Every structure is written in C-alpha cells, then in structure tokens.
Amino acid sequence: MRDFGTSDNPAVQAQLDRLASLSQPQGRIGIVAVRELLARLGDPQDRLPPVFHVAGTNGKGSTCAFLRAMLEAQGFKVHATTSPHLVRYNERIRIAGEQIEDAKLAALLQEVLDTAEGLEVSFFETTIATAFLAFSRHPADACVVEVGLGGRLDATNVIARSAVCGIATLGIDHERFLLAPEPGAPEEPLARIAWEKAAIAKSSVPLVTQAYPSEANREIVAMARRVGAPLFMRGHEWSANCGASGFTYRDERVELEFPSPALPGAHQIDNAMLAVAMLMHQDAVQVDATAIGVGLRNVRWPARLQKLGPGSLTNFVPGREVWLDGGHNADAGAAIAAHFADQRLHLILGMLSNKDPHAITGPLQGQIVSLQVVPIPGHEHHGPEAFGPASQAVATVQDALAALPDDGMPVLICGSLYLAGDMLRLNEELPD
C-alpha cells in the first residue's frame, strides 16, 4: 500500500516493508495495543515537552503548521508529528523542527517494531510510538501532535497531560470508524463526531475550540465538564474578526491585530485563529504577538491550496496557474469553492472510492470548465462515471494537462492527498 511509503535509503525501506506487513484494525480503532507497546518502550509519551494536541475533521494539520511556525518564530525548538505524509515517511516526524534523518528513523523504527513483536499494532500506532520515542530522547521546548483519526481511540490519546488541546473544524468523514454504532454514543452524526474529537480533553488542561452547530457544542461542553477541562470556545471565551488585511483576536484579557496568513483561503484564517487562541490559553510557553505575526507570514503547509511553481509538471501548461489541494470531503470542497469564488477553472480530479465523488464537484458547480478524472495508483479510486457525463477519463495528470485548451484559465488538481503527494514529487516541490 502507498500509505507506508518508499525510501531510497535501504535501511529505512527495510523497516517500511515491516510496517507494511502489520495487521490493520478492522471495524474499530483502539488504544489498548499502543498503550502496551509504549509501556514496553518505557512510556516515552510521559517524557515529552509541553504538548499542543490538535483534533478536528478539517484544518487540524494546518492548525499544527501554524502552531509550529509561531512557536519557532519565538525561537523555540519544536517537535511535531502530523499525518499523512505526502512524499516521504520522514515528514511524519519532525525533531526540533527538522524532518527525522534516515539513519535515526531506521534505527528507531527497528527498535519499535522489534519491541512490538506479538502485539496487534497498526501502521499508525507504530508511527506514533516511534515519534514519541524520538521526542523523548531529544530536547525541545514544545511538541505539536496532530490526532490521526477521531480522538477518543486515536493512538495520540495516550498523552496523559498536554499544555493545551484544540479542536478544529468538524464535519462528517471516516464514517466507518467514527459513526459505527456503539452503546452510549450520540446518534446524531455531527454530535457523534464532536463526542469522539472532544475526548482528547484532559483534567485541568485548557480545551480551545472553534464555533460549531448546537448538537456539536452540546457534546463538547458535556465532555469538558465531565473531565474537568477549562473550555474556551470561539464566540464565547474568545473571538476573532476578519478584515481586508488581517484579523483581530480578542479575549477577556487582550485585543490583538494580526496579518493575514501566508496560506491562501478564508478557511486558513479560521485555522490560524484557533492556533492563536490555543497559544493564548496555555501557560507552558510564552509566545508574543510579534512572533505570532512572523509565524503567520512564514507558515508552510504543502498541498493545501498550494500554487505550484515552475517544474516538470507545470511545464506542461506554461504561463498559467496550477493549484494543488489534497481535500476530499464536503468541508474541503466548500473551502476550495470559497477560495476560487466565481472564478472558472479546469478540474483534474482523483478520489478514493470510499469518498463522496461530489464532495468537490458539488461546491464548484457552475465553475468547472472541464473535468478530467485520473486514477490513484495503488488505491481503489472512482472512475469518471461517478462524476457524471461531462467527466473524461485520463491516464495521468500529465496527459490531462497536455490536453487542456490554451484558454489561460487556472487548473486545480485535487481530491486526494495521495494524488497531491505524487504531484509534488513530479514537480520537484518536496515538503521541507
């Protein structure tokens, strides 16, 4: 499977091959096995620098990128684990700001996989154990941890105490796992999603959230009360207003002006504001307004409404804009549509077969000049029939670009982070 990645380093590849052979959880996720694995490793999750723990359906990765950029602008060394990787597995583990080196990665993966013998652990659980082991052995000032799936039963939820927890945008995704019937769980889909995500809350640890519909708010408030987490919700304990050149953040103590973030899209302002609010409602590290502003301008997060630069891929359509986005659900489609507003564009789409084929095309209805559907090698994916009679099957993105009319209209390549990773590799724009 493509999820496990490949490496041109033989030692790393040997361990990635072992990862690919692990059993995968069927039906439900859980943290029993990863707790046992971490216990065998000496519980490295209990020896991390102050943790910024972020859950959410959309925007959690961008929020983590903003947090890292702001913390680093203050001069802090920051560990980070995010998922998935786009091109190289190493992207998942950053030690003091840098992608983990191959030699160190190979040794750590071997140690964790050897220790996991006899346990039913998954790829993601092994990755998180490796990241926490690496972080526990290298000094840093802060640690940014992105939840993988849900929150309640996610492998990252072994962290006993964080500096602050945050919940980004909520939506319906990963229904097989997060909406599976379970006694005591809310039945309303969005309420159930909120219940799952809010379970990263910990006693006496600030929980900072966006604003959500009432059924989601209800579950988050109930969870915070149940575990004793101080709750800071947007629209209640903090707020932010957007302007033409930036946004204003407010809470009961401060009112601060910030520039618009470097990441394009109105939704990224929401993610940036959540990162600011998380920093403002924790006291493990101090980050001033100047550093926050620098972080907003310096942040990088590939394949999220990324305008591709010159390269082997964009050379197929010289002189025109080519955009890349890994979004694949309805909220991502709405964010993409809002960014392009009433602009017309050519769409090159590749989507996994377990995703809603209309999540992207629906919000862009009326703006799509042409729709070309490409496969995602190594994965089951939708064919052109899923997108209606106007769609056309094309073997590769390169073929799709070469077939476009010379009308100067922008091009959007989207639908999957797997596809996005391939495009970055082809265009020689590897995540740093």
Protein backbone atom coordinates (compact mmCIF):
# COMPACT_ATOMS: atom_id res chain seq x y z
CA MET A 1 0.00 0.00 0.00
CA ARG A 2 1.11 3.53 -0.76
CA ASP A 3 0.36 4.60 2.84
CA PHE A 4 3.57 3.06 4.11
CA GLY A 5 5.82 4.93 1.73
CA THR A 6 9.04 4.12 -0.02
CA SER A 7 12.58 5.29 0.63
CA ASP A 8 15.77 5.38 -1.38
CA ASN A 9 17.60 4.52 1.85
CA PRO A 10 17.83 0.70 2.11
CA ALA A 11 17.81 0.69 5.92
CA VAL A 12 14.66 2.81 6.06
CA GLN A 13 12.99 0.77 3.31
CA ALA A 14 13.63 -2.45 5.22
CA GLN A 15 11.66 -1.05 8.17
CA LEU A 16 8.91 0.40 5.95
CA ASP A 17 8.49 -3.09 4.49
CA ARG A 18 7.98 -4.39 8.02
CA LEU A 19 5.41 -1.65 8.63
CA ALA A 20 3.54 -2.72 5.52
CA SER A 21 3.20 -6.26 6.89
CA LEU A 22 1.49 -5.23 10.14
CA SER A 23 -2.08 -6.22 10.82
CA GLN A 24 -4.62 -3.47 10.45
CA PRO A 25 -7.53 -2.79 12.83
CA GLN A 26 -10.84 -3.97 11.44
CA GLY A 27 -14.09 -2.15 12.19
CA ARG A 28 -12.97 -0.07 15.15
CA ILE A 29 -9.85 1.73 16.27
CA GLY A 30 -8.47 1.44 19.80
CA ILE A 31 -5.54 2.32 22.05
CA VAL A 32 -5.05 -0.86 24.11
CA ALA A 33 -2.28 -2.21 21.86
CA VAL A 34 -0.41 1.09 21.56
CA ARG A 35 -0.53 1.55 25.34
CA GLU A 36 1.13 -1.85 25.76
CA LEU A 37 3.73 -1.02 23.11
CA LEU A 38 4.56 2.29 24.78
CA ALA A 39 4.78 0.59 28.17
CA ARG A 40 7.34 -1.82 26.74
CA LEU A 41 9.28 1.20 25.45
CA GLY A 42 9.28 2.84 28.89
CA ASP A 43 6.29 5.16 28.33
CA PRO A 44 8.06 7.87 26.30
CA GLN A 45 4.77 9.77 25.96
CA ASP A 46 5.19 10.76 29.60
CA ARG A 47 8.54 12.45 28.90
CA LEU A 48 7.58 14.92 26.17
CA PRO A 49 7.98 18.70 26.23
CA PRO A 50 4.72 20.69 26.58
CA VAL A 51 2.24 19.17 24.11
CA PHE A 52 -0.13 21.07 21.81
CA HIS A 53 -2.69 18.39 20.92
CA VAL A 54 -5.00 19.11 17.95
CA ALA A 55 -8.05 17.20 16.71
CA GLY A 56 -10.64 18.03 14.05
CA THR A 57 -12.13 16.86 10.78
CA ASN A 58 -10.56 19.54 8.61
CA GLY A 59 -7.90 22.08 9.48
CA LYS A 60 -6.09 20.21 12.24
CA GLY A 61 -2.96 19.79 10.13
CA SER A 62 -2.98 23.46 9.14
CA THR A 63 -3.53 24.45 12.78
CA CYS A 64 -0.50 22.36 13.72
CA ALA A 65 1.52 24.07 10.97
CA PHE A 66 0.53 27.49 12.34
CA LEU A 67 1.41 26.46 15.89
CA ARG A 68 4.82 25.20 14.83
CA ALA A 69 5.55 28.34 12.81
CA MET A 70 4.54 30.64 15.67
CA LEU A 71 6.47 28.71 18.30
CA GLU A 72 9.57 28.58 16.10
CA ALA A 73 9.28 32.31 15.38
CA GLN A 74 9.60 32.82 19.15
CA GLY A 75 12.87 30.89 19.00
CA PHE A 76 11.60 27.61 20.43
CA LYS A 77 12.67 24.17 19.28
CA VAL A 78 9.55 22.25 18.33
CA HIS A 79 8.93 18.53 17.83
CA ALA A 80 5.93 17.68 15.62
CA THR A 81 4.09 14.62 14.40
CA THR A 82 1.49 15.04 11.66
CA SER A 83 -0.15 12.78 9.09
CA PRO A 84 -0.30 11.65 6.43
CA HIS A 85 2.99 12.16 4.67
CA LEU A 86 2.88 13.48 1.13
CA VAL A 87 6.13 12.26 -0.40
CA ARG A 88 8.42 10.82 2.32
CA TYR A 89 7.52 8.98 5.50
CA ASN A 90 10.06 11.21 7.31
CA GLU A 91 7.56 14.11 7.07
CA ARG A 92 5.53 12.49 9.86
CA ILE A 93 8.24 13.01 12.49
CA ARG A 94 10.00 16.34 12.97
CA ILE A 95 12.68 16.57 15.64
CA ALA A 96 13.37 20.14 16.79
CA GLY A 97 11.91 21.43 13.52
CA GLU A 98 13.68 19.12 11.07
CA GLN A 99 12.38 16.01 9.35
CA ILE A 100 13.88 12.97 11.04
CA GLU A 101 17.11 11.80 9.40
CA ASP A 102 17.14 8.45 7.61
CA ALA A 103 19.69 6.78 9.86
CA LYS A 104 17.85 7.81 13.01
CA LEU A 105 14.49 6.83 11.51
CA ALA A 106 15.69 3.36 10.50
CA ALA A 107 17.12 2.68 13.96
CA LEU A 108 14.02 3.91 15.81
CA LEU A 109 11.60 2.03 13.59
CA GLN A 110 13.61 -1.16 14.06
CA GLU A 111 13.60 -0.69 17.84
CA VAL A 112 9.85 -0.08 17.96
CA LEU A 113 8.97 -2.89 15.55
CA ASP A 114 11.18 -5.35 17.44
CA THR A 115 9.53 -4.29 20.70
CA ALA A 116 6.06 -4.70 19.14
CA GLU A 117 6.56 -8.39 18.31
CA GLY A 118 3.43 -10.30 19.32
CA LEU A 119 1.22 -7.22 19.56
CA GLU A 120 -1.62 -6.41 17.14
CA VAL A 121 -0.41 -2.89 16.37
CA SER A 122 -1.16 -0.90 13.23
CA PHE A 123 0.95 1.29 10.98
CA PHE A 124 -0.26 4.49 12.65
CA GLU A 125 0.19 3.17 16.19
CA THR A 126 3.75 2.15 15.38
CA THR A 127 4.42 5.54 13.82
CA ILE A 128 3.15 7.41 16.88
CA ALA A 129 5.18 5.20 19.22
CA THR A 130 8.26 5.90 17.09
CA ALA A 131 7.60 9.64 17.14
CA PHE A 132 7.11 9.74 20.91
CA LEU A 133 10.24 7.67 21.47
CA ALA A 134 12.23 10.05 19.28
CA PHE A 135 10.81 13.12 21.00
CA SER A 136 11.54 11.74 24.47
CA ARG A 137 15.24 11.38 23.57
CA HIS A 138 15.85 14.83 22.12
CA PRO A 139 15.40 18.13 23.96
CA ALA A 140 12.85 20.66 22.70
CA ASP A 141 10.65 23.41 24.10
CA ALA A 142 7.30 22.24 22.74
CA CYS A 143 5.67 19.35 20.94
CA VAL A 144 2.87 19.65 18.36
CA VAL A 145 0.78 16.49 17.96
CA GLU A 146 -1.93 16.04 15.33
CA VAL A 147 -4.65 13.49 16.03
CA GLY A 148 -4.83 10.86 13.31
CA LEU A 149 -8.45 9.68 13.38
CA GLY A 150 -11.19 10.81 15.73
CA GLY A 151 -9.67 11.43 19.14
CA ARG A 152 -11.15 9.15 21.78
CA LEU A 153 -9.47 6.00 20.47
CA ASP A 154 -6.67 7.61 18.48
CA ALA A 155 -3.14 6.46 19.20
CA THR A 156 -2.13 10.01 20.18
CA ASN A 157 -4.67 10.00 23.01
CA VAL A 158 -2.24 8.11 25.24
CA ILE A 159 -0.85 11.51 26.25
CA ALA A 160 -1.86 11.88 29.88
CA ARG A 161 -1.46 15.65 30.05
CA SER A 162 -0.99 18.38 27.46
CA ALA A 163 -0.26 22.08 27.64
CA VAL A 164 -3.45 22.71 25.67
CA CYS A 165 -5.87 20.79 23.47
CA GLY A 166 -7.59 22.22 20.39
CA ILE A 167 -10.43 21.14 18.11
CA ALA A 168 -10.53 22.48 14.56
CA THR A 169 -13.43 22.35 12.11
CA LEU A 170 -15.90 19.47 12.49
CA GLY A 171 -17.57 17.58 9.65
CA ILE A 172 -18.57 14.11 8.54
CA ASP A 173 -15.67 11.91 7.48
CA HIS A 174 -14.33 8.41 8.18
CA GLU A 175 -17.90 7.27 8.83
CA ARG A 176 -16.95 3.57 9.02
CA PHE A 177 -14.94 4.21 12.18
CA LEU A 178 -16.38 7.36 13.73
CA LEU A 179 -20.09 6.63 13.19
CA ALA A 180 -20.07 2.91 13.97
CA PRO A 181 -22.95 2.08 16.37
CA GLU A 182 -21.79 1.99 19.97
CA PRO A 183 -23.73 1.98 23.26
CA GLY A 184 -23.70 5.36 24.97
CA ALA A 185 -22.53 7.28 21.91
CA PRO A 186 -24.66 10.11 20.46
CA GLU A 187 -26.77 9.11 17.47
CA GLU A 188 -26.73 12.43 15.60
CA PRO A 189 -23.76 12.23 13.19
CA LEU A 190 -22.17 15.61 13.95
CA ALA A 191 -22.78 15.18 17.68
CA ARG A 192 -21.04 11.79 17.49
CA ILE A 193 -18.09 13.33 15.65
CA ALA A 194 -17.80 16.05 18.31
CA TRP A 195 -18.02 13.44 21.08
CA GLU A 196 -15.15 11.49 19.52
CA LYS A 197 -12.93 14.54 18.97
CA ALA A 198 -13.62 16.13 22.35
CA ALA A 199 -12.37 13.02 24.12
CA ILE A 200 -8.79 14.34 23.85
CA ALA A 201 -9.79 16.72 26.68
CA LYS A 202 -7.93 16.22 29.94
CA SER A 203 -8.50 17.33 33.51
CA SER A 204 -7.26 20.89 34.16
CA VAL A 205 -5.91 21.18 30.56
CA PRO A 206 -7.38 24.06 28.52
CA LEU A 207 -9.62 22.91 25.66
CA VAL A 208 -9.86 25.51 22.87
CA THR A 209 -12.42 25.13 20.08
CA GLN A 210 -13.99 26.72 17.05
CA ALA A 211 -17.73 27.51 16.92
CA TYR A 212 -19.99 24.62 15.88
CA PRO A 213 -23.67 23.80 15.43
CA SER A 214 -25.62 23.30 18.65
CA GLU A 215 -25.54 19.49 18.66
CA ALA A 216 -21.73 19.51 18.44
CA ASN A 217 -21.37 22.28 21.05
CA ARG A 218 -23.52 20.28 23.43
CA GLU A 219 -21.21 17.27 23.33
CA ILE A 220 -18.04 19.35 23.68
CA VAL A 221 -19.41 21.26 26.68
CA ALA A 222 -20.52 18.00 28.29
CA MET A 223 -17.12 16.37 27.74
CA ALA A 224 -15.24 19.35 29.16
CA ARG A 225 -17.42 19.31 32.27
CA ARG A 226 -17.10 15.55 32.64
CA VAL A 227 -13.28 15.55 32.68
CA GLY A 228 -12.79 18.96 34.29
CA ALA A 229 -11.18 20.72 31.32
CA PRO A 230 -11.39 24.53 31.22
CA LEU A 231 -13.28 25.29 27.98
CA PHE A 232 -12.55 28.21 25.67
CA MET A 233 -14.99 28.27 22.75
CA ARG A 234 -14.93 30.69 19.86
CA GLY A 235 -17.80 33.13 20.19
CA HIS A 236 -17.81 32.74 23.96
CA GLU A 237 -14.41 32.97 25.67
CA TRP A 238 -12.62 34.26 22.56
CA SER A 239 -13.49 35.77 19.21
CA ALA A 240 -11.88 36.99 16.00
CA ASN A 241 -12.97 39.32 13.23
CA CYS A 242 -11.51 39.29 9.73
CA GLY A 243 -10.60 42.41 7.81
CA ALA A 244 -9.14 43.18 4.41
CA SER A 245 -5.53 42.82 5.53
CA GLY A 246 -5.75 40.54 8.55
CA PHE A 247 -7.80 39.73 11.61
CA THR A 248 -8.39 40.91 15.16
CA TYR A 249 -8.21 38.42 18.01
CA ARG A 250 -9.99 39.16 21.31
CA ASP A 251 -10.46 37.52 24.67
CA GLU A 252 -11.16 38.92 28.13
CA ARG A 253 -7.50 39.98 28.53
CA VAL A 254 -6.24 41.15 25.12
CA GLU A 255 -7.16 42.56 21.73
CA LEU A 256 -4.51 41.94 19.08
CA GLU A 257 -4.18 42.70 15.36
CA PHE A 258 -2.56 40.14 13.07
CA PRO A 259 -1.75 39.98 9.35
CA SER A 260 -3.45 37.55 7.01
CA PRO A 261 -1.69 34.18 6.98
CA ALA A 262 0.55 33.05 4.15
CA LEU A 263 -1.68 30.04 3.47
CA PRO A 264 -4.42 31.04 0.99
CA GLY A 265 -8.13 30.55 1.62
CA ALA A 266 -10.57 32.07 4.09
CA HIS A 267 -10.65 28.77 5.99
CA GLN A 268 -6.96 29.18 6.80
CA ILE A 269 -7.75 32.34 8.73
CA ASP A 270 -10.03 30.21 10.92
CA ASN A 271 -7.22 27.69 11.44
CA ALA A 272 -4.76 30.48 12.23
CA MET A 273 -7.16 31.99 14.77
CA LEU A 274 -7.53 28.64 16.52
CA ALA A 275 -3.74 28.38 16.77
CA VAL A 276 -3.58 31.89 18.24
CA ALA A 277 -6.32 31.06 20.75
CA MET A 278 -4.51 27.88 21.80
CA LEU A 279 -1.33 29.86 22.44
CA MET A 280 -3.25 32.48 24.41
CA HIS A 281 -4.96 29.97 26.67
CA GLN A 282 -1.95 27.98 27.88
CA ASP A 283 0.92 28.95 30.16
CA ALA A 284 3.57 26.31 29.41
CA VAL A 285 5.43 28.58 26.97
CA GLN A 286 5.12 32.27 26.22
CA VAL A 287 4.72 33.48 22.62
CA ASP A 288 4.38 37.19 21.97
CA ALA A 289 2.29 38.93 19.31
CA THR A 290 5.33 39.73 17.17
CA ALA A 291 6.31 36.07 16.92
CA ILE A 292 2.72 35.12 16.11
CA GLY A 293 2.72 37.61 13.24
CA VAL A 294 6.02 36.29 11.92
CA GLY A 295 4.69 32.73 12.13
CA LEU A 296 1.56 33.70 10.20
CA ARG A 297 3.70 35.08 7.38
CA ASN A 298 6.26 32.25 7.37
CA VAL A 299 3.96 29.22 7.69
CA ARG A 300 4.18 26.47 5.08
CA TRP A 301 1.77 23.55 4.67
CA PRO A 302 2.03 21.80 1.29
CA ALA A 303 -0.91 20.60 -0.83
CA ARG A 304 -3.45 22.83 0.87
CA LEU A 305 -4.48 25.27 -1.85
CA GLN A 306 -0.88 25.39 -2.92
CA LYS A 307 0.00 27.30 -6.07
CA LEU A 308 2.64 25.18 -7.78
CA GLY A 309 5.81 26.79 -9.01
CA PRO A 310 7.79 26.06 -12.18
CA GLY A 311 8.62 22.38 -12.56
CA SER A 312 8.33 19.26 -14.66
CA LEU A 313 4.57 19.13 -14.07
CA THR A 314 3.61 22.77 -14.54
CA ASN A 315 5.82 22.98 -17.63
CA PHE A 316 3.00 21.17 -19.45
CA VAL A 317 0.93 24.39 -19.16
CA PRO A 318 3.45 27.27 -19.10
CA GLY A 319 2.14 30.65 -18.09
CA ARG A 320 -1.00 29.52 -16.30
CA GLU A 321 -1.81 28.94 -12.64
CA VAL A 322 -1.81 25.35 -11.40
CA TRP A 323 -3.24 24.80 -7.92
CA LEU A 324 -2.97 21.68 -5.77
CA ASP A 325 -5.18 20.60 -2.88
CA GLY A 326 -5.49 17.29 -1.04
CA GLY A 327 -9.03 17.92 0.25
CA HIS A 328 -11.53 15.12 -0.26
CA ASN A 329 -14.67 15.81 1.78
CA ALA A 330 -17.56 18.28 1.69
CA ASP A 331 -15.95 20.83 4.00
CA ALA A 332 -12.80 20.80 1.89
CA GLY A 333 -14.91 21.26 -1.22
CA ALA A 334 -16.64 24.26 0.32
CA ALA A 335 -13.27 25.80 1.27
CA ILE A 336 -11.94 25.30 -2.25
CA ALA A 337 -15.07 26.83 -3.79
CA ALA A 338 -14.86 29.83 -1.46
CA HIS A 339 -11.23 30.42 -2.46
CA PHE A 340 -12.00 30.43 -6.18
CA ALA A 341 -15.32 32.28 -5.66
CA ASP A 342 -16.93 32.83 -9.07
CA GLN A 343 -13.74 32.04 -10.98
CA ARG A 344 -13.96 29.37 -13.66
CA LEU A 345 -11.32 26.65 -13.77
CA HIS A 346 -10.24 23.32 -15.21
CA LEU A 347 -10.53 20.48 -12.68
CA ILE A 348 -8.29 17.40 -12.61
CA LEU A 349 -9.70 15.07 -10.01
CA GLY A 350 -8.55 11.82 -8.41
CA MET A 351 -10.55 10.42 -5.46
CA LEU A 352 -10.50 7.24 -3.43
CA SER A 353 -13.54 5.04 -3.95
CA ASN A 354 -14.61 5.40 -0.30
CA LYS A 355 -15.01 9.18 -0.64
CA ASP A 356 -18.08 11.09 -1.80
CA PRO A 357 -17.44 11.81 -5.51
CA HIS A 358 -19.48 15.01 -5.32
CA ALA A 359 -17.69 16.48 -2.31
CA ILE A 360 -15.54 18.65 -4.58
CA THR A 361 -17.63 18.96 -7.74
CA GLY A 362 -20.81 19.90 -5.86
CA PRO A 363 -19.49 23.12 -4.30
CA LEU A 364 -17.76 24.02 -7.60
CA GLN A 365 -20.89 23.52 -9.69
CA GLY A 366 -21.07 26.14 -12.44
CA GLN A 367 -17.36 26.94 -12.21
CA ILE A 368 -15.89 23.83 -13.82
CA VAL A 369 -14.89 24.35 -17.46
CA SER A 370 -13.59 20.80 -17.88
CA LEU A 371 -13.42 17.77 -15.60
CA GLN A 372 -10.76 15.12 -16.14
CA VAL A 373 -10.63 12.10 -13.84
CA VAL A 374 -7.30 10.40 -13.13
CA PRO A 375 -6.51 7.17 -11.26
CA ILE A 376 -4.65 6.98 -7.94
CA PRO A 377 -2.11 4.19 -8.45
CA GLY A 378 -2.10 1.64 -5.65
CA HIS A 379 -5.57 2.55 -4.37
CA GLU A 380 -9.17 1.87 -5.29
CA HIS A 381 -10.50 5.05 -6.85
CA HIS A 382 -13.55 6.50 -8.56
CA GLY A 383 -13.81 6.28 -12.32
CA PRO A 384 -15.30 9.03 -14.49
CA GLU A 385 -18.80 7.51 -14.28
CA ALA A 386 -19.00 8.65 -10.64
CA PHE A 387 -18.78 12.30 -11.69
CA GLY A 388 -21.36 12.46 -14.45
CA PRO A 389 -21.38 12.50 -18.24
CA ALA A 390 -19.25 15.65 -18.56
CA SER A 391 -16.21 13.95 -16.98
CA GLN A 392 -13.45 12.35 -19.01
CA ALA A 393 -11.07 9.55 -18.04
CA VAL A 394 -7.38 10.38 -18.46
CA ALA A 395 -4.46 8.07 -17.72
CA THR A 396 -2.20 10.60 -15.99
CA VAL A 397 -2.21 14.18 -14.76
CA GLN A 398 0.46 14.97 -17.35
CA ASP A 399 -1.91 13.79 -20.09
CA ALA A 400 -4.71 15.84 -18.57
CA LEU A 401 -2.60 18.99 -18.53
CA ALA A 402 -1.39 18.44 -22.09
CA ALA A 403 -4.99 18.10 -23.29
CA LEU A 404 -6.20 21.42 -21.86
CA PRO A 405 -7.20 24.18 -24.29
CA ASP A 406 -4.99 27.25 -24.41
CA ASP A 407 -7.54 29.49 -22.70
CA GLY A 408 -5.39 30.70 -19.79
CA MET A 409 -7.87 29.54 -17.14
CA PRO A 410 -6.44 28.19 -13.88
CA VAL A 411 -6.12 24.48 -13.20
CA LEU A 412 -6.97 22.74 -9.94
CA ILE A 413 -5.60 19.26 -9.20
CA CYS A 414 -7.33 17.80 -6.15
CA GLY A 415 -9.30 15.02 -4.50
CA SER A 416 -6.68 13.07 -2.54
CA LEU A 417 -3.54 13.63 -0.50
CA TYR A 418 -2.06 10.57 -2.20
CA LEU A 419 -2.52 12.26 -5.56
CA ALA A 420 -1.20 15.54 -4.14
CA GLY A 421 1.97 13.84 -2.91
CA ASP A 422 2.61 12.43 -6.36
CA MET A 423 2.18 15.88 -7.90
CA LEU A 424 4.68 17.45 -5.50
CA ARG A 425 7.19 14.74 -6.34
CA LEU A 426 6.65 15.16 -10.07
CA ASN A 427 7.03 18.92 -9.84
CA GLU A 428 10.15 18.66 -7.64
CA GLU A 429 8.48 20.57 -4.77
CA LEU A 430 9.20 18.22 -1.90
CA PRO A 431 7.96 19.22 1.58
CA ASP A 432 10.89 20.63 3.57
